[in-house]
Amino acid sequence: MARRGTTEQDVLNIVMNAGECGVIQSELWKTITADSREGSRAILRLERKKLIQRKKELFDGRWTYRVSAKRRIPKVATIIAIPCSFCDFDNRCSDAGTVSPNKCNKLTFWLTTLVINNSE
């Protein structure tokens, strides 16, 4: 029997934890023990809020949707890689200071690398 009160938050948590590949919509219903009607409504509300995206996919000979989160859960490795985390000049760094994020070679290199890696 379907669980009453399936919330958008339940669905969003599962989709976000599924990672980049997302989750098949029919498999999602099994995970949250919801019927397709109740789950579809939650999915549509999340899609209208632009928190998730759906892509049509052929799965086990049937058309369904793969649901994935538009935003990802940040990983610690991405935060640690920011050069500002362990910078010797962090206490003197400001827009008006002698050390500035606008003129920082380490920060510029890191941002450029991120852009290049994400465009590939």
PDB file of N, CA and C in Angstrom:
ATOM      1  N   MET A   1       0.844  -1.187   0.000  1.00  0.00           N
ATOM      2  CA  MET A   1       0.000   0.000   0.000  1.00  0.00           C
ATOM      3  C   MET A   1       0.882   1.241   0.000  1.00  0.00           C
ATOM      4  N   ALA A   2       0.450   2.239  -0.705  1.00  0.00           N
ATOM      5  CA  ALA A   2       1.222   3.477  -0.807  1.00  0.00           C
ATOM      6  C   ALA A   2       1.213   4.228   0.512  1.00  0.00           C
ATOM      7  N   ARG A   3       2.340   4.796   0.820  1.00  0.00           N
ATOM      8  CA  ARG A   3       2.485   5.571   2.042  1.00  0.00           C
ATOM      9  C   ARG A   3       1.813   6.921   1.854  1.00  0.00           C
ATOM     10  N   ARG A   4       1.101   7.387   2.821  1.00  0.00           N
ATOM     11  CA  ARG A   4       0.455   8.695   2.760  1.00  0.00           C
ATOM     12  C   ARG A   4       1.467   9.787   3.074  1.00  0.00           C
ATOM     13  N   GLY A   5       1.323  10.923   2.417  1.00  0.00           N
ATOM     14  CA  GLY A   5       2.113  12.093   2.767  1.00  0.00           C
ATOM     15  C   GLY A   5       3.519  12.105   2.216  1.00  0.00           C
ATOM     16  N   THR A   6       3.748  11.450   1.070  1.00  0.00           N
ATOM     17  CA  THR A   6       5.068  11.527   0.451  1.00  0.00           C
ATOM     18  C   THR A   6       5.340  12.984   0.117  1.00  0.00           C
ATOM     19  N   THR A   7       6.422  13.477   0.616  1.00  0.00           N
ATOM     20  CA  THR A   7       6.713  14.885   0.418  1.00  0.00           C
ATOM     21  C   THR A   7       7.703  15.080  -0.720  1.00  0.00           C
ATOM     22  N   GLU A   8       7.735  16.282  -1.216  1.00  0.00           N
ATOM     23  CA  GLU A   8       8.705  16.646  -2.237  1.00  0.00           C
ATOM     24  C   GLU A   8      10.120  16.470  -1.694  1.00  0.00           C
ATOM     25  N   GLN A   9      10.298  16.729  -0.410  1.00  0.00           N
ATOM     26  CA  GLN A   9      11.625  16.628   0.188  1.00  0.00           C
ATOM     27  C   GLN A   9      12.140  15.193   0.139  1.00  0.00           C
ATOM     28  N   ASP A  10      11.249  14.211   0.376  1.00  0.00           N
ATOM     29  CA  ASP A  10      11.652  12.802   0.280  1.00  0.00           C
ATOM     30  C   ASP A  10      12.171  12.493  -1.121  1.00  0.00           C
ATOM     31  N   VAL A  11      11.417  12.918  -2.114  1.00  0.00           N
ATOM     32  CA  VAL A  11      11.780  12.671  -3.503  1.00  0.00           C
ATOM     33  C   VAL A  11      13.093  13.380  -3.833  1.00  0.00           C
ATOM     34  N   LEU A  12      13.209  14.635  -3.452  1.00  0.00           N
ATOM     35  CA  LEU A  12      14.412  15.407  -3.756  1.00  0.00           C
ATOM     36  C   LEU A  12      15.648  14.790  -3.105  1.00  0.00           C
ATOM     37  N   ASN A  13      15.530  14.334  -1.868  1.00  0.00           N
ATOM     38  CA  ASN A  13      16.666  13.705  -1.181  1.00  0.00           C
ATOM     39  C   ASN A  13      17.144  12.467  -1.927  1.00  0.00           C
ATOM     40  N   ILE A  14      16.217  11.641  -2.373  1.00  0.00           N
ATOM     41  CA  ILE A  14      16.591  10.422  -3.093  1.00  0.00           C
ATOM     42  C   ILE A  14      17.248  10.762  -4.422  1.00  0.00           C
ATOM     43  N   VAL A  15      16.676  11.708  -5.135  1.00  0.00           N
ATOM     44  CA  VAL A  15      17.219  12.092  -6.441  1.00  0.00           C
ATOM     45  C   VAL A  15      18.606  12.702  -6.284  1.00  0.00           C
ATOM     46  N   MET A  16      18.800  13.551  -5.303  1.00  0.00           N
ATOM     47  CA  MET A  16      20.114  14.171  -5.092  1.00  0.00           C
ATOM     48  C   MET A  16      21.157  13.140  -4.690  1.00  0.00           C
ATOM     49  N   ASN A  17      20.756  12.165  -3.886  1.00  0.00           N
ATOM     50  CA  ASN A  17      21.698  11.133  -3.457  1.00  0.00           C
ATOM     51  C   ASN A  17      21.991  10.117  -4.553  1.00  0.00           C
ATOM     52  N   ALA A  18      21.197  10.120  -5.629  1.00  0.00           N
ATOM     53  CA  ALA A  18      21.407   9.187  -6.733  1.00  0.00           C
ATOM     54  C   ALA A  18      22.637   9.561  -7.552  1.00  0.00           C
ATOM     55  N   GLY A  19      23.096  10.777  -7.413  1.00  0.00           N
ATOM     56  CA  GLY A  19      24.295  11.203  -8.130  1.00  0.00           C
ATOM     57  C   GLY A  19      23.978  11.767  -9.497  1.00  0.00           C
ATOM     58  N   GLU A  20      25.019  11.859 -10.325  1.00  0.00           N
ATOM     59  CA  GLU A  20      24.889  12.499 -11.629  1.00  0.00           C
ATOM     60  C   GLU A  20      23.994  11.729 -12.587  1.00  0.00           C
ATOM     61  N   CYS A  21      23.977  10.399 -12.478  1.00  0.00           N
ATOM     62  CA  CYS A  21      23.184   9.617 -13.429  1.00  0.00           C
ATOM     63  C   CYS A  21      21.689   9.696 -13.121  1.00  0.00           C
ATOM     64  N   GLY A  22      21.322  10.084 -11.923  1.00  0.00           N
ATOM     65  CA  GLY A  22      19.914  10.201 -11.571  1.00  0.00           C
ATOM     66  C   GLY A  22      19.283   8.861 -11.259  1.00  0.00           C
ATOM     67  N   VAL A  23      17.960   8.820 -11.293  1.00  0.00           N
ATOM     68  CA  VAL A  23      17.219   7.605 -10.954  1.00  0.00           C
ATOM     69  C   VAL A  23      16.039   7.473 -11.913  1.00  0.00           C
ATOM     70  N   ILE A  24      15.723   6.241 -12.270  1.00  0.00           N
ATOM     71  CA  ILE A  24      14.562   5.980 -13.118  1.00  0.00           C
ATOM     72  C   ILE A  24      13.302   6.256 -12.303  1.00  0.00           C
ATOM     73  N   GLN A  25      12.364   6.958 -12.908  1.00  0.00           N
ATOM     74  CA  GLN A  25      11.160   7.393 -12.194  1.00  0.00           C
ATOM     75  C   GLN A  25      10.406   6.214 -11.580  1.00  0.00           C
ATOM     76  N   SER A  26      10.247   5.115 -12.312  1.00  0.00           N
ATOM     77  CA  SER A  26       9.516   3.967 -11.780  1.00  0.00           C
ATOM     78  C   SER A  26      10.243   3.334 -10.592  1.00  0.00           C
ATOM     79  N   GLU A  27      11.585   3.375 -10.615  1.00  0.00           N
ATOM     80  CA  GLU A  27      12.363   2.865  -9.486  1.00  0.00           C
ATOM     81  C   GLU A  27      12.225   3.789  -8.276  1.00  0.00           C
ATOM     82  N   LEU A  28      12.071   5.050  -8.548  1.00  0.00           N
ATOM     83  CA  LEU A  28      11.884   6.030  -7.481  1.00  0.00           C
ATOM     84  C   LEU A  28      10.607   5.736  -6.697  1.00  0.00           C
ATOM     85  N   TRP A  29       9.536   5.367  -7.411  1.00  0.00           N
ATOM     86  CA  TRP A  29       8.267   5.055  -6.729  1.00  0.00           C
ATOM     87  C   TRP A  29       8.452   3.889  -5.770  1.00  0.00           C
ATOM     88  N   LYS A  30       9.227   2.884  -6.182  1.00  0.00           N
ATOM     89  CA  LYS A  30       9.468   1.725  -5.317  1.00  0.00           C
ATOM     90  C   LYS A  30      10.251   2.126  -4.069  1.00  0.00           C
ATOM     91  N   THR A  31      11.206   3.026  -4.251  1.00  0.00           N
ATOM     92  CA  THR A  31      12.045   3.461  -3.131  1.00  0.00           C
ATOM     93  C   THR A  31      11.242   4.215  -2.081  1.00  0.00           C
ATOM     94  N   ILE A  32      10.345   5.079  -2.531  1.00  0.00           N
ATOM     95  CA  ILE A  32       9.580   5.875  -1.569  1.00  0.00           C
ATOM     96  C   ILE A  32       8.241   5.228  -1.236  1.00  0.00           C
ATOM     97  N   THR A  33       8.005   4.033  -1.781  1.00  0.00           N
ATOM     98  CA  THR A  33       6.748   3.297  -1.596  1.00  0.00           C
ATOM     99  C   THR A  33       5.530   4.184  -1.854  1.00  0.00           C
ATOM    100  N   ALA A  34       5.550   4.822  -3.000  1.00  0.00           N
ATOM    101  CA  ALA A  34       4.432   5.680  -3.406  1.00  0.00           C
ATOM    102  C   ALA A  34       3.869   5.152  -4.716  1.00  0.00           C
ATOM    103  N   ASP A  35       2.611   5.434  -4.966  1.00  0.00           N
ATOM    104  CA  ASP A  35       2.061   5.072  -6.268  1.00  0.00           C
ATOM    105  C   ASP A  35       2.493   6.126  -7.285  1.00  0.00           C
ATOM    106  N   SER A  36       2.322   5.808  -8.565  1.00  0.00           N
ATOM    107  CA  SER A  36       2.815   6.711  -9.606  1.00  0.00           C
ATOM    108  C   SER A  36       2.085   8.043  -9.602  1.00  0.00           C
ATOM    109  N   ARG A  37       0.837   8.048  -9.212  1.00  0.00           N
ATOM    110  CA  ARG A  37       0.062   9.310  -9.180  1.00  0.00           C
ATOM    111  C   ARG A  37       0.627  10.270  -8.142  1.00  0.00           C
ATOM    112  N   GLU A  38       0.823   9.759  -6.940  1.00  0.00           N
ATOM    113  CA  GLU A  38       1.348  10.582  -5.847  1.00  0.00           C
ATOM    114  C   GLU A  38       2.775  11.037  -6.149  1.00  0.00           C
ATOM    115  N   GLY A  39       3.600  10.115  -6.650  1.00  0.00           N
ATOM    116  CA  GLY A  39       4.983  10.444  -6.973  1.00  0.00           C
ATOM    117  C   GLY A  39       5.095  11.422  -8.128  1.00  0.00           C
ATOM    118  N   SER A  40       4.241  11.246  -9.149  1.00  0.00           N
ATOM    119  CA  SER A  40       4.273  12.143 -10.309  1.00  0.00           C
ATOM    120  C   SER A  40       3.956  13.570  -9.907  1.00  0.00           C
ATOM    121  N   ARG A  41       3.030  13.716  -9.013  1.00  0.00           N
ATOM    122  CA  ARG A  41       2.686  15.072  -8.553  1.00  0.00           C
ATOM    123  C   ARG A  41       3.868  15.729  -7.852  1.00  0.00           C
ATOM    124  N   ALA A  42       4.566  14.969  -7.018  1.00  0.00           N
ATOM    125  CA  ALA A  42       5.741  15.511  -6.328  1.00  0.00           C
ATOM    126  C   ALA A  42       6.835  15.866  -7.337  1.00  0.00           C
ATOM    127  N   ILE A  43       7.030  14.988  -8.323  1.00  0.00           N
ATOM    128  CA  ILE A  43       8.034  15.241  -9.367  1.00  0.00           C
ATOM    129  C   ILE A  43       7.701  16.505 -10.148  1.00  0.00           C
ATOM    130  N   LEU A  44       6.448  16.654 -10.539  1.00  0.00           N
ATOM    131  CA  LEU A  44       6.048  17.831 -11.317  1.00  0.00           C
ATOM    132  C   LEU A  44       6.227  19.123 -10.527  1.00  0.00           C
ATOM    133  N   ARG A  45       5.916  19.077  -9.235  1.00  0.00           N
ATOM    134  CA  ARG A  45       6.112  20.271  -8.404  1.00  0.00           C
ATOM    135  C   ARG A  45       7.602  20.632  -8.326  1.00  0.00           C
ATOM    136  N   LEU A  46       8.443  19.622  -8.153  1.00  0.00           N
ATOM    137  CA  LEU A  46       9.891  19.867  -8.088  1.00  0.00           C
ATOM    138  C   LEU A  46      10.430  20.364  -9.424  1.00  0.00           C
ATOM    139  N   GLU A  47       9.884  19.844 -10.505  1.00  0.00           N
ATOM    140  CA  GLU A  47      10.314  20.285 -11.834  1.00  0.00           C
ATOM    141  C   GLU A  47       9.905  21.736 -12.080  1.00  0.00           C
ATOM    142  N   ARG A  48       8.708  22.114 -11.649  1.00  0.00           N
ATOM    143  CA  ARG A  48       8.272  23.508 -11.786  1.00  0.00           C
ATOM    144  C   ARG A  48       9.157  24.459 -10.978  1.00  0.00           C
ATOM    145  N   LYS A  49       9.665  23.970  -9.851  1.00  0.00           N
ATOM    146  CA  LYS A  49      10.551  24.782  -9.011  1.00  0.00           C
ATOM    147  C   LYS A  49      11.991  24.773  -9.528  1.00  0.00           C
ATOM    148  N   LYS A  50      12.209  24.032 -10.635  1.00  0.00           N
ATOM    149  CA  LYS A  50      13.528  23.937 -11.272  1.00  0.00           C
ATOM    150  C   LYS A  50      14.588  23.305 -10.370  1.00  0.00           C
ATOM    151  N   LEU A  51      14.167  22.348  -9.539  1.00  0.00           N
ATOM    152  CA  LEU A  51      15.096  21.640  -8.673  1.00  0.00           C
ATOM    153  C   LEU A  51      15.552  20.319  -9.290  1.00  0.00           C
ATOM    154  N   ILE A  52      14.732  19.771 -10.193  1.00  0.00           N
ATOM    155  CA  ILE A  52      15.067  18.520 -10.853  1.00  0.00           C
ATOM    156  C   ILE A  52      14.801  18.651 -12.343  1.00  0.00           C
ATOM    157  N   GLN A  53      15.283  17.664 -13.092  1.00  0.00           N
ATOM    158  CA  GLN A  53      14.977  17.604 -14.525  1.00  0.00           C
ATOM    159  C   GLN A  53      14.646  16.159 -14.875  1.00  0.00           C
ATOM    160  N   ARG A  54      13.794  15.981 -15.862  1.00  0.00           N
ATOM    161  CA  ARG A  54      13.423  14.647 -16.334  1.00  0.00           C
ATOM    162  C   ARG A  54      13.813  14.516 -17.798  1.00  0.00           C
ATOM    163  N   LYS A  55      14.328  13.341 -18.155  1.00  0.00           N
ATOM    164  CA  LYS A  55      14.665  13.045 -19.549  1.00  0.00           C
ATOM    165  C   LYS A  55      14.027  11.713 -19.899  1.00  0.00           C
ATOM    166  N   LYS A  56      13.349  11.695 -21.022  1.00  0.00           N
ATOM    167  CA  LYS A  56      12.680  10.483 -21.477  1.00  0.00           C
ATOM    168  C   LYS A  56      13.727   9.426 -21.833  1.00  0.00           C
ATOM    169  N   GLU A  57      13.442   8.164 -21.430  1.00  0.00           N
ATOM    170  CA  GLU A  57      14.410   7.088 -21.633  1.00  0.00           C
ATOM    171  C   GLU A  57      13.688   5.761 -21.788  1.00  0.00           C
ATOM    172  N   LEU A  58      14.215   4.899 -22.643  1.00  0.00           N
ATOM    173  CA  LEU A  58      13.689   3.555 -22.808  1.00  0.00           C
ATOM    174  C   LEU A  58      14.365   2.657 -21.774  1.00  0.00           C
ATOM    175  N   PHE A  59      13.584   2.084 -20.864  1.00  0.00           N
ATOM    176  CA  PHE A  59      14.119   1.276 -19.770  1.00  0.00           C
ATOM    177  C   PHE A  59      13.329  -0.023 -19.703  1.00  0.00           C
ATOM    178  N   ASP A  60      14.006  -1.143 -19.847  1.00  0.00           N
ATOM    179  CA  ASP A  60      13.367  -2.467 -19.851  1.00  0.00           C
ATOM    180  C   ASP A  60      12.211  -2.544 -20.845  1.00  0.00           C
ATOM    181  N   GLY A  61      12.407  -1.967 -22.008  1.00  0.00           N
ATOM    182  CA  GLY A  61      11.403  -2.034 -23.060  1.00  0.00           C
ATOM    183  C   GLY A  61      10.219  -1.095 -22.892  1.00  0.00           C
ATOM    184  N   ARG A  62      10.269  -0.207 -21.925  1.00  0.00           N
ATOM    185  CA  ARG A  62       9.176   0.746 -21.695  1.00  0.00           C
ATOM    186  C   ARG A  62       9.740   2.153 -21.592  1.00  0.00           C
ATOM    187  N   TRP A  63       8.943   3.107 -22.068  1.00  0.00           N
ATOM    188  CA  TRP A  63       9.346   4.502 -21.952  1.00  0.00           C
ATOM    189  C   TRP A  63       9.061   4.999 -20.547  1.00  0.00           C
ATOM    190  N   THR A  64      10.062   5.638 -19.968  1.00  0.00           N
ATOM    191  CA  THR A  64       9.935   6.219 -18.636  1.00  0.00           C
ATOM    192  C   THR A  64      10.814   7.468 -18.606  1.00  0.00           C
ATOM    193  N   TYR A  65      11.010   7.998 -17.457  1.00  0.00           N
ATOM    194  CA  TYR A  65      11.860   9.182 -17.310  1.00  0.00           C
ATOM    195  C   TYR A  65      12.997   8.893 -16.344  1.00  0.00           C
ATOM    196  N   ARG A  66      14.147   9.478 -16.637  1.00  0.00           N
ATOM    197  CA  ARG A  66      15.268   9.485 -15.705  1.00  0.00           C
ATOM    198  C   ARG A  66      15.246  10.845 -15.036  1.00  0.00           C
ATOM    199  N   VAL A  67      15.183  10.828 -13.720  1.00  0.00           N
ATOM    200  CA  VAL A  67      15.074  12.052 -12.936  1.00  0.00           C
ATOM    201  C   VAL A  67      16.429  12.343 -12.307  1.00  0.00           C
ATOM    202  N   SER A  68      16.907  13.570 -12.485  1.00  0.00           N
ATOM    203  CA  SER A  68      18.174  13.962 -11.871  1.00  0.00           C
ATOM    204  C   SER A  68      18.046  15.362 -11.280  1.00  0.00           C
ATOM    205  N   ALA A  69      18.859  15.613 -10.279  1.00  0.00           N
ATOM    206  CA  ALA A  69      18.846  16.907  -9.600  1.00  0.00           C
ATOM    207  C   ALA A  69      19.605  17.929 -10.433  1.00  0.00           C
ATOM    208  N   LYS A  70      19.117  19.148 -10.444  1.00  0.00           N
ATOM    209  CA  LYS A  70      19.823  20.217 -11.157  1.00  0.00           C
ATOM    210  C   LYS A  70      21.028  20.696 -10.363  1.00  0.00           C
ATOM    211  N   ARG A  71      20.928  20.612  -9.049  1.00  0.00           N
ATOM    212  CA  ARG A  71      22.068  20.973  -8.194  1.00  0.00           C
ATOM    213  C   ARG A  71      22.589  19.707  -7.548  1.00  0.00           C
ATOM    214  N   ARG A  72      23.857  19.652  -7.344  1.00  0.00           N
ATOM    215  CA  ARG A  72      24.504  18.497  -6.743  1.00  0.00           C
ATOM    216  C   ARG A  72      24.919  18.809  -5.313  1.00  0.00           C
ATOM    217  N   ILE A  73      25.041  17.762  -4.520  1.00  0.00           N
ATOM    218  CA  ILE A  73      25.543  17.912  -3.158  1.00  0.00           C
ATOM    219  C   ILE A  73      27.040  18.174  -3.264  1.00  0.00           C
ATOM    220  N   PRO A  74      27.525  19.268  -2.687  1.00  0.00           N
ATOM    221  CA  PRO A  74      28.952  19.574  -2.817  1.00  0.00           C
ATOM    222  C   PRO A  74      29.813  18.523  -2.123  1.00  0.00           C
ATOM    223  N   LYS A  75      30.926  18.233  -2.732  1.00  0.00           N
ATOM    224  CA  LYS A  75      31.865  17.274  -2.161  1.00  0.00           C
ATOM    225  C   LYS A  75      32.975  18.044  -1.456  1.00  0.00           C
ATOM    226  N   VAL A  76      33.510  17.465  -0.410  1.00  0.00           N
ATOM    227  CA  VAL A  76      34.547  18.117   0.378  1.00  0.00           C
ATOM    228  C   VAL A  76      35.767  18.413  -0.484  1.00  0.00           C
ATOM    229  N   ALA A  77      36.075  17.530  -1.417  1.00  0.00           N
ATOM    230  CA  ALA A  77      37.257  17.720  -2.262  1.00  0.00           C
ATOM    231  C   ALA A  77      37.183  19.022  -3.058  1.00  0.00           C
ATOM    232  N   THR A  78      36.001  19.409  -3.492  1.00  0.00           N
ATOM    233  CA  THR A  78      35.885  20.641  -4.261  1.00  0.00           C
ATOM    234  C   THR A  78      36.110  21.864  -3.378  1.00  0.00           C
ATOM    235  N   ILE A  79      35.721  21.787  -2.140  1.00  0.00           N
ATOM    236  CA  ILE A  79      35.892  22.910  -1.219  1.00  0.00           C
ATOM    237  C   ILE A  79      37.348  23.030  -0.793  1.00  0.00           C
ATOM    238  N   ILE A  80      37.980  21.904  -0.527  1.00  0.00           N
ATOM    239  CA  ILE A  80      39.380  21.914  -0.099  1.00  0.00           C
ATOM    240  C   ILE A  80      40.287  22.439  -1.205  1.00  0.00           C
ATOM    241  N   ALA A  81      39.908  22.201  -2.463  1.00  0.00           N
ATOM    242  CA  ALA A  81      40.740  22.613  -3.589  1.00  0.00           C
ATOM    243  C   ALA A  81      40.780  24.127  -3.796  1.00  0.00           C
ATOM    244  N   ILE A  82      39.868  24.868  -3.192  1.00  0.00           N
ATOM    245  CA  ILE A  82      39.859  26.328  -3.352  1.00  0.00           C
ATOM    246  C   ILE A  82      41.147  26.891  -2.760  1.00  0.00           C
ATOM    247  N   PRO A  83      41.910  27.636  -3.529  1.00  0.00           N
ATOM    248  CA  PRO A  83      43.197  28.126  -3.033  1.00  0.00           C
ATOM    249  C   PRO A  83      43.061  29.049  -1.821  1.00  0.00           C
ATOM    250  N   CYS A  84      41.939  29.700  -1.667  1.00  0.00           N
ATOM    251  CA  CYS A  84      41.739  30.615  -0.544  1.00  0.00           C
ATOM    252  C   CYS A  84      41.689  29.871   0.797  1.00  0.00           C
ATOM    253  N   SER A  85      41.376  28.572   0.761  1.00  0.00           N
ATOM    254  CA  SER A  85      41.236  27.792   1.995  1.00  0.00           C
ATOM    255  C   SER A  85      42.495  27.802   2.844  1.00  0.00           C
ATOM    256  N   PHE A  86      43.649  27.715   2.180  1.00  0.00           N
ATOM    257  CA  PHE A  86      44.907  27.621   2.915  1.00  0.00           C
ATOM    258  C   PHE A  86      45.890  28.719   2.511  1.00  0.00           C
ATOM    259  N   CYS A  87      45.359  29.845   2.117  1.00  0.00           N
ATOM    260  CA  CYS A  87      46.197  30.947   1.666  1.00  0.00           C
ATOM    261  C   CYS A  87      46.850  31.653   2.859  1.00  0.00           C
ATOM    262  N   ASP A  88      48.104  32.016   2.688  1.00  0.00           N
ATOM    263  CA  ASP A  88      48.843  32.725   3.740  1.00  0.00           C
ATOM    264  C   ASP A  88      48.370  34.171   3.898  1.00  0.00           C
ATOM    265  N   PHE A  89      47.705  34.702   2.864  1.00  0.00           N
ATOM    266  CA  PHE A  89      47.299  36.104   2.875  1.00  0.00           C
ATOM    267  C   PHE A  89      45.804  36.289   3.155  1.00  0.00           C
ATOM    268  N   ASP A  90      45.122  35.258   3.635  1.00  0.00           N
ATOM    269  CA  ASP A  90      43.665  35.338   3.806  1.00  0.00           C
ATOM    270  C   ASP A  90      43.225  36.453   4.749  1.00  0.00           C
ATOM    271  N   ASN A  91      44.032  36.777   5.728  1.00  0.00           N
ATOM    272  CA  ASN A  91      43.659  37.845   6.669  1.00  0.00           C
ATOM    273  C   ASN A  91      43.847  39.242   6.072  1.00  0.00           C
ATOM    274  N   ARG A  92      44.627  39.355   4.985  1.00  0.00           N
ATOM    275  CA  ARG A  92      44.854  40.653   4.346  1.00  0.00           C
ATOM    276  C   ARG A  92      44.130  40.790   3.007  1.00  0.00           C
ATOM    277  N   CYS A  93      43.418  39.757   2.593  1.00  0.00           N
ATOM    278  CA  CYS A  93      42.786  39.738   1.276  1.00  0.00           C
ATOM    279  C   CYS A  93      41.433  40.450   1.309  1.00  0.00           C
ATOM    280  N   SER A  94      41.276  41.438   0.440  1.00  0.00           N
ATOM    281  CA  SER A  94      39.998  42.142   0.289  1.00  0.00           C
ATOM    282  C   SER A  94      40.026  42.890  -1.041  1.00  0.00           C
ATOM    283  N   ASP A  95      38.877  43.345  -1.469  1.00  0.00           N
ATOM    284  CA  ASP A  95      38.816  44.076  -2.741  1.00  0.00           C
ATOM    285  C   ASP A  95      39.680  45.333  -2.725  1.00  0.00           C
ATOM    286  N   ALA A  96      39.720  46.012  -1.588  1.00  0.00           N
ATOM    287  CA  ALA A  96      40.472  47.262  -1.494  1.00  0.00           C
ATOM    288  C   ALA A  96      41.883  47.061  -0.956  1.00  0.00           C
ATOM    289  N   GLY A  97      42.236  45.840  -0.545  1.00  0.00           N
ATOM    290  CA  GLY A  97      43.525  45.583   0.073  1.00  0.00           C
ATOM    291  C   GLY A  97      44.653  45.425  -0.931  1.00  0.00           C
ATOM    292  N   THR A  98      45.858  45.260  -0.382  1.00  0.00           N
ATOM    293  CA  THR A  98      47.024  45.042  -1.246  1.00  0.00           C
ATOM    294  C   THR A  98      46.958  43.669  -1.900  1.00  0.00           C
ATOM    295  N   VAL A  99      46.377  42.723  -1.198  1.00  0.00           N
ATOM    296  CA  VAL A  99      46.122  41.394  -1.751  1.00  0.00           C
ATOM    297  C   VAL A  99      44.634  41.336  -2.059  1.00  0.00           C
ATOM    298  N   SER A 100      44.305  41.022  -3.312  1.00  0.00           N
ATOM    299  CA  SER A 100      42.918  41.086  -3.756  1.00  0.00           C
ATOM    300  C   SER A 100      42.540  39.825  -4.537  1.00  0.00           C
ATOM    301  N   PRO A 101      41.323  39.333  -4.393  1.00  0.00           N
ATOM    302  CA  PRO A 101      40.881  38.178  -5.196  1.00  0.00           C
ATOM    303  C   PRO A 101      40.909  38.489  -6.690  1.00  0.00           C
ATOM    304  N   ASN A 102      40.745  39.766  -7.042  1.00  0.00           N
ATOM    305  CA  ASN A 102      40.756  40.162  -8.453  1.00  0.00           C
ATOM    306  C   ASN A 102      42.136  40.025  -9.091  1.00  0.00           C
ATOM    307  N   LYS A 103      43.186  40.072  -8.281  1.00  0.00           N
ATOM    308  CA  LYS A 103      44.553  40.024  -8.797  1.00  0.00           C
ATOM    309  C   LYS A 103      45.297  38.758  -8.378  1.00  0.00           C
ATOM    310  N   CYS A 104      44.604  37.805  -7.800  1.00  0.00           N
ATOM    311  CA  CYS A 104      45.239  36.590  -7.274  1.00  0.00           C
ATOM    312  C   CYS A 104      45.468  35.573  -8.393  1.00  0.00           C
ATOM    313  N   ASN A 105      46.737  35.252  -8.636  1.00  0.00           N
ATOM    314  CA  ASN A 105      47.084  34.293  -9.682  1.00  0.00           C
ATOM    315  C   ASN A 105      46.608  32.883  -9.356  1.00  0.00           C
ATOM    316  N   LYS A 106      46.717  32.479  -8.100  1.00  0.00           N
ATOM    317  CA  LYS A 106      46.280  31.134  -7.702  1.00  0.00           C
ATOM    318  C   LYS A 106      44.770  30.968  -7.906  1.00  0.00           C
ATOM    319  N   LEU A 107      44.002  31.959  -7.515  1.00  0.00           N
ATOM    320  CA  LEU A 107      42.554  31.896  -7.659  1.00  0.00           C
ATOM    321  C   LEU A 107      42.154  31.910  -9.138  1.00  0.00           C
ATOM    322  N   THR A 108      42.808  32.741  -9.926  1.00  0.00           N
ATOM    323  CA  THR A 108      42.524  32.805 -11.369  1.00  0.00           C
ATOM    324  C   THR A 108      42.836  31.473 -12.037  1.00  0.00           C
ATOM    325  N   PHE A 109      43.971  30.866 -11.700  1.00  0.00           N
ATOM    326  CA  PHE A 109      44.345  29.577 -12.269  1.00  0.00           C
ATOM    327  C   PHE A 109      43.325  28.507 -11.891  1.00  0.00           C
ATOM    328  N   TRP A 110      42.926  28.478 -10.625  1.00  0.00           N
ATOM    329  CA  TRP A 110      41.953  27.485 -10.147  1.00  0.00           C
ATOM    330  C   TRP A 110      40.614  27.642 -10.873  1.00  0.00           C
ATOM    331  N   LEU A 111      40.119  28.865 -11.003  1.00  0.00           N
ATOM    332  CA  LEU A 111      38.846  29.112 -11.696  1.00  0.00           C
ATOM    333  C   LEU A 111      38.934  28.740 -13.176  1.00  0.00           C
ATOM    334  N   THR A 112      40.040  29.067 -13.810  1.00  0.00           N
ATOM    335  CA  THR A 112      40.233  28.722 -15.220  1.00  0.00           C
ATOM    336  C   THR A 112      40.229  27.205 -15.408  1.00  0.00           C
ATOM    337  N   THR A 113      40.887  26.498 -14.524  1.00  0.00           N
ATOM    338  CA  THR A 113      40.919  25.040 -14.578  1.00  0.00           C
ATOM    339  C   THR A 113      39.517  24.464 -14.410  1.00  0.00           C
ATOM    340  N   LEU A 114      38.742  25.033 -13.499  1.00  0.00           N
ATOM    341  CA  LEU A 114      37.351  24.565 -13.301  1.00  0.00           C
ATOM    342  C   LEU A 114      36.536  24.742 -14.573  1.00  0.00           C
ATOM    343  N   VAL A 115      36.662  25.883 -15.192  1.00  0.00           N
ATOM    344  CA  VAL A 115      35.899  26.164 -16.412  1.00  0.00           C
ATOM    345  C   VAL A 115      36.287  25.195 -17.524  1.00  0.00           C
ATOM    346  N   ILE A 116      37.576  24.974 -17.687  1.00  0.00           N
ATOM    347  CA  ILE A 116      38.054  24.068 -18.732  1.00  0.00           C
ATOM    348  C   ILE A 116      37.571  22.643 -18.468  1.00  0.00           C
ATOM    349  N   ASN A 117      37.673  22.178 -17.230  1.00  0.00           N
ATOM    350  CA  ASN A 117      37.243  20.810 -16.895  1.00  0.00           C
ATOM    351  C   ASN A 117      35.740  20.624 -17.056  1.00  0.00           C
ATOM    352  N   ASN A 118      34.958  21.632 -16.739  1.00  0.00           N
ATOM    353  CA  ASN A 118      33.502  21.521 -16.847  1.00  0.00           C
ATOM    354  C   ASN A 118      33.000  21.627 -18.280  1.00  0.00           C
ATOM    355  N   SER A 119      33.808  22.215 -19.163  1.00  0.00           N
ATOM    356  CA  SER A 119      33.386  22.352 -20.549  1.00  0.00           C
ATOM    357  C   SER A 119      33.709  21.105 -21.366  1.00  0.00           C
ATOM    358  N   GLU A 120      34.534  20.230 -20.843  1.00  0.00           N
ATOM    359  CA  GLU A 120      34.905  18.997 -21.567  1.00  0.00           C
ATOM    360  C   GLU A 120      33.859  17.937 -21.446  1.00  0.00           C
TER     361      GLU A 120
END
